[in-house]
Protein backbone atom coordinates (compact mmCIF):
# COMPACT_ATOMS: atom_id res chain seq x y z
CA MET A 1 6.42 -4.82 38.31
CA VAL A 2 9.71 -3.38 37.06
CA ALA A 3 10.03 -6.19 34.51
CA THR A 4 6.49 -5.52 33.26
CA ARG A 5 7.19 -1.78 32.94
CA THR A 6 10.47 -2.51 31.08
CA ARG A 7 8.68 -4.82 28.63
CA LEU A 8 6.01 -2.17 28.08
CA ILE A 9 8.62 0.51 27.37
CA VAL A 10 10.61 -1.76 25.04
CA GLY A 11 7.43 -2.83 23.26
CA THR A 12 6.37 0.80 22.80
CA ALA A 13 9.82 1.69 21.44
CA VAL A 14 9.69 -1.17 18.93
CA ALA A 15 6.21 -0.11 17.80
CA ALA A 16 7.40 3.49 17.41
CA VAL A 17 10.37 2.42 15.30
CA ALA A 18 8.18 0.14 13.16
CA GLY A 19 5.67 2.96 12.69
CA ALA A 20 8.44 5.35 11.69
CA ALA A 21 9.65 2.85 9.11
CA LEU A 22 6.18 2.80 7.58
CA VAL A 23 6.10 6.58 7.41
CA VAL A 24 9.59 6.80 5.91
CA ALA A 25 9.08 4.02 3.36
CA PRO A 26 5.64 4.23 1.72
CA PRO A 27 4.56 1.55 -0.76
CA SER A 28 6.55 1.76 -3.99
CA SER A 29 3.57 1.79 -6.35
CA THR A 30 1.22 4.54 -5.24
CA THR A 31 -1.49 6.05 -7.37
CA ALA A 32 0.23 9.45 -7.24
CA GLU A 33 3.21 8.18 -9.23
CA ALA A 34 1.16 5.98 -11.55
CA THR A 35 0.48 7.05 -15.11
CA SER A 36 -2.66 6.48 -17.12
CA ARG A 37 -1.42 7.23 -20.62
CA ILE A 38 1.86 6.54 -22.31
CA THR A 39 2.52 8.71 -25.35
CA VAL A 40 4.90 7.57 -28.08
CA LYS A 41 6.17 9.61 -31.01
CA ASN A 42 4.66 7.74 -33.94
CA LYS A 43 2.47 4.88 -35.09
CA GLN A 44 5.39 2.45 -35.59
CA LYS A 45 6.62 3.01 -32.03
CA ALA A 46 3.08 2.53 -30.70
CA VAL A 47 2.77 -0.78 -32.56
CA LYS A 48 6.14 -1.95 -31.20
CA VAL A 49 5.31 -1.03 -27.60
CA ARG A 50 1.90 -2.72 -27.82
CA ARG A 51 3.57 -5.86 -29.24
CA ASP A 52 6.09 -5.83 -26.39
CA ILE A 53 3.30 -5.57 -23.79
CA VAL A 54 1.47 -8.53 -25.32
CA LYS A 55 4.69 -10.57 -25.58
CA ILE A 56 5.55 -9.95 -21.91
CA ALA A 57 2.04 -10.81 -20.72
CA LYS A 58 1.92 -13.97 -22.85
CA SER A 59 5.31 -15.05 -21.47
CA LYS A 60 3.59 -15.36 -18.08
CA VAL A 61 0.96 -17.86 -19.29
CA GLY A 62 1.01 -20.81 -16.90
CA SER A 63 2.07 -18.68 -13.91
CA ARG A 64 -0.02 -18.81 -10.75
CA TYR A 65 -2.77 -16.39 -9.78
CA VAL A 66 -2.23 -14.92 -6.32
CA LEU A 67 -4.51 -12.12 -5.11
CA GLY A 68 -2.54 -8.89 -4.63
CA SER A 69 0.53 -10.06 -6.53
CA THR A 70 2.33 -8.05 -9.23
CA GLY A 71 4.94 -10.58 -10.34
CA PRO A 72 7.40 -11.60 -11.44
CA SER A 73 6.13 -15.18 -10.96
CA THR A 74 2.61 -14.76 -9.51
CA PHE A 75 -0.08 -12.20 -10.43
CA ASP A 76 -3.62 -11.07 -9.93
CA CYS A 77 -5.44 -9.59 -12.94
CA SER A 78 -4.43 -5.95 -12.47
CA GLY A 79 -0.98 -7.03 -11.26
CA LEU A 80 -0.33 -8.73 -14.62
CA VAL A 81 -1.31 -5.49 -16.36
CA VAL A 82 0.95 -3.39 -14.12
CA TYR A 83 3.85 -5.82 -14.58
CA SER A 84 3.52 -6.08 -18.38
CA PHE A 85 3.30 -2.33 -18.93
CA ARG A 86 6.15 -1.57 -16.49
CA LYS A 87 8.46 -4.13 -18.16
CA ALA A 88 7.62 -2.85 -21.67
CA THR A 89 7.63 0.89 -20.98
CA GLY A 90 9.21 1.58 -17.59
CA LYS A 91 5.95 3.28 -16.53
CA THR A 92 3.69 2.18 -13.69
CA LEU A 93 -0.07 2.04 -14.20
CA PRO A 94 -2.61 2.40 -11.38
CA ARG A 95 -2.70 -0.76 -9.27
CA THR A 96 -6.34 -1.92 -9.34
CA SER A 97 -8.67 -2.74 -12.23
CA TYR A 98 -11.07 -0.04 -10.99
CA SER A 99 -8.39 2.67 -10.98
CA GLN A 100 -7.06 1.45 -14.34
CA LYS A 101 -10.53 1.74 -15.90
CA ALA A 102 -11.01 5.22 -14.42
CA ALA A 103 -7.68 6.40 -15.81
CA VAL A 104 -7.59 5.14 -19.40
CA LYS A 105 -9.05 6.52 -22.61
CA ARG A 106 -12.13 4.51 -23.66
CA VAL A 107 -12.09 2.85 -27.08
CA SER A 108 -14.77 0.92 -28.92
CA ALA A 109 -14.56 -2.77 -29.73
CA ALA A 110 -14.22 -1.83 -33.40
CA LYS A 111 -11.10 0.27 -32.64
CA ARG A 112 -9.42 -2.02 -30.09
CA LYS A 113 -5.79 -2.94 -30.66
CA PRO A 114 -3.41 -5.44 -29.10
CA GLY A 115 -2.13 -3.98 -25.84
CA ASP A 116 -5.45 -2.32 -24.99
CA LEU A 117 -7.08 -3.17 -21.68
CA VAL A 118 -10.37 -5.07 -21.48
CA PHE A 119 -12.59 -4.70 -18.42
CA PHE A 120 -15.11 -7.22 -17.11
CA ASN A 121 -17.37 -7.94 -14.16
CA GLY A 122 -18.25 -4.37 -13.22
CA ASN A 123 -14.60 -3.38 -13.78
CA GLY A 124 -13.50 -5.90 -11.13
CA HIS A 125 -11.46 -7.84 -13.69
CA VAL A 126 -9.00 -6.62 -16.32
CA ALA A 127 -7.17 -8.34 -19.17
CA ILE A 128 -4.84 -7.36 -22.01
CA TYR A 129 -6.25 -7.64 -25.52
CA ILE A 130 -3.87 -9.63 -27.75
CA GLY A 131 -5.79 -9.57 -31.05
CA LYS A 132 -8.14 -11.93 -32.87
CA ASN A 133 -10.78 -11.53 -30.11
CA LYS A 134 -8.42 -12.99 -27.47
CA ILE A 135 -7.11 -11.79 -24.12
CA VAL A 136 -4.30 -12.75 -21.77
CA HIS A 137 -5.17 -12.43 -18.10
CA ALA A 138 -4.77 -13.70 -14.57
CA SER A 139 -7.95 -15.72 -14.45
CA THR A 140 -8.46 -17.46 -11.06
CA SER A 141 -6.36 -19.26 -8.47
CA GLN A 142 -7.39 -22.55 -10.12
CA ARG A 143 -6.69 -21.49 -13.70
CA GLY A 144 -3.75 -19.06 -13.38
CA ILE A 145 -2.47 -16.88 -16.19
CA ARG A 146 -3.99 -17.89 -19.50
CA VAL A 147 -5.17 -16.86 -22.94
CA ASP A 148 -8.93 -16.93 -23.52
CA ARG A 149 -11.28 -16.03 -26.32
CA ILE A 150 -13.72 -13.22 -25.57
CA SER A 151 -16.93 -15.27 -25.50
CA GLY A 152 -19.44 -16.60 -22.99
CA TRP A 153 -18.88 -15.10 -19.53
CA TYR A 154 -16.37 -12.63 -20.93
CA THR A 155 -18.80 -11.27 -23.52
CA ASN A 156 -21.67 -11.14 -21.03
CA THR A 157 -19.73 -9.26 -18.33
CA MET A 158 -17.53 -6.99 -20.46
CA THR A 159 -17.67 -3.34 -19.44
CA GLY A 160 -15.37 -1.89 -22.11
CA TYR A 161 -11.95 -1.31 -23.60
CA GLY A 162 -9.29 1.19 -22.61
CA ARG A 163 -6.18 2.49 -24.33
CA VAL A 164 -2.95 3.34 -22.53
CA ILE A 165 -0.45 3.52 -25.44
CA GLN A 166 -1.15 6.54 -27.64
CA LYS A 167 0.78 8.28 -30.38
CA ARG A 168 1.39 12.03 -30.28
């Protein structure tokens, strides 16, 4: 009986310490600290930042898709977006495709630019537009990170474009 009570007390103490650690150290990428727009001083800087975002995302082509992952070697769709923007700008975007879509400025297909976000499947999938009607994205666990043309399924399920990088 004493041994059982001791184990119960020790177990409770461990749970209390673990719970305190969770309270003291919240997740590093919360929505409160995430940004939805990154403003740069001029058009040339905007073009350079957009190019950097595309270059970083494309450098991950061939990496594995893992649900919930934000890199540096595995990604899900919104994780690739978060990673690419953070590496290029030092800023953290909202974590999920739904929160990314809710936070960005909408742009039309005619005004899209490399580095803009492209949303699909009821906003449940996000990609980075790279120009010439192509995207880079974390596709599926079978296909990984890849470049695809916006056609077929992508055209049929597209829900819009969003801009993060904006000039003053």
